[in-house]
Amino acid sequence: MQHVRNGYRGLSIFMGLNIDRFLAVLVIVLAVLMAGWIQSI
């Protein structure tokens, strides 16, 4: 149980530090998809 808790805590710290990078990539992908959709209209 201790090992699972430590692993989860490490994962949450990692995600907390890198969440801005994931959000930036997600926003770029969404912008490209929206641009393609608007151009196809």
C-alpha atoms as a PDB file:
ATOM      1  CA  MET A   1       0.000   0.000   0.000  1.00  0.00           C
ATOM      2  CA  GLN A   2       2.836   2.376   0.808  1.00  0.00           C
ATOM      3  CA  HIS A   3       4.428   1.699  -2.588  1.00  0.00           C
ATOM      4  CA  VAL A   4       1.166   2.512  -4.401  1.00  0.00           C
ATOM      5  CA  ARG A   5       0.760   5.722  -2.403  1.00  0.00           C
ATOM      6  CA  ASN A   6       4.323   6.823  -3.159  1.00  0.00           C
ATOM      7  CA  GLY A   7       3.884   6.033  -6.840  1.00  0.00           C
ATOM      8  CA  TYR A   8       0.655   8.016  -7.010  1.00  0.00           C
ATOM      9  CA  ARG A   9       2.253  10.961  -5.217  1.00  0.00           C
ATOM     10  CA  GLY A  10       5.181  10.924  -7.649  1.00  0.00           C
ATOM     11  CA  LEU A  11       2.819  10.791 -10.602  1.00  0.00           C
ATOM     12  CA  SER A  12       0.730  13.669  -9.285  1.00  0.00           C
ATOM     13  CA  ILE A  13       3.850  15.810  -8.732  1.00  0.00           C
ATOM     14  CA  PHE A  14       5.046  14.971 -12.256  1.00  0.00           C
ATOM     15  CA  MET A  15       1.672  15.892 -13.737  1.00  0.00           C
ATOM     16  CA  GLY A  16       1.534  19.082 -11.689  1.00  0.00           C
ATOM     17  CA  LEU A  17       4.890  20.196 -13.037  1.00  0.00           C
ATOM     18  CA  ASN A  18       4.161  19.257 -16.645  1.00  0.00           C
ATOM     19  CA  ILE A  19       0.461  20.070 -16.950  1.00  0.00           C
ATOM     20  CA  ASP A  20       1.230  23.366 -18.694  1.00  0.00           C
ATOM     21  CA  ARG A  21       3.175  21.531 -21.415  1.00  0.00           C
ATOM     22  CA  PHE A  22       0.294  19.138 -22.036  1.00  0.00           C
ATOM     23  CA  LEU A  23      -2.162  22.034 -22.142  1.00  0.00           C
ATOM     24  CA  ALA A  24       0.019  23.930 -24.632  1.00  0.00           C
ATOM     25  CA  VAL A  25       0.169  20.916 -26.955  1.00  0.00           C
ATOM     26  CA  LEU A  26      -3.581  20.395 -26.605  1.00  0.00           C
ATOM     27  CA  VAL A  27      -4.324  24.033 -27.439  1.00  0.00           C
ATOM     28  CA  ILE A  28      -2.073  23.896 -30.527  1.00  0.00           C
ATOM     29  CA  VAL A  29      -3.762  20.718 -31.772  1.00  0.00           C
ATOM     30  CA  LEU A  30      -7.210  22.196 -31.196  1.00  0.00           C
ATOM     31  CA  ALA A  31      -6.232  25.394 -33.016  1.00  0.00           C
ATOM     32  CA  VAL A  32      -5.027  23.425 -36.049  1.00  0.00           C
ATOM     33  CA  LEU A  33      -8.210  21.333 -36.078  1.00  0.00           C
ATOM     34  CA  MET A  34     -10.427  24.421 -35.797  1.00  0.00           C
ATOM     35  CA  ALA A  35      -8.504  26.168 -38.587  1.00  0.00           C
ATOM     36  CA  GLY A  36      -8.995  23.157 -40.843  1.00  0.00           C
ATOM     37  CA  TRP A  37     -12.683  23.003 -39.987  1.00  0.00           C
ATOM     38  CA  ILE A  38     -13.207  26.714 -40.647  1.00  0.00           C
ATOM     39  CA  GLN A  39     -11.346  26.507 -43.951  1.00  0.00           C
ATOM     40  CA  SER A  40     -13.499  23.581 -45.077  1.00  0.00           C
ATOM     41  CA  ILE A  41     -16.719  25.564 -44.662  1.00  0.00           C
END
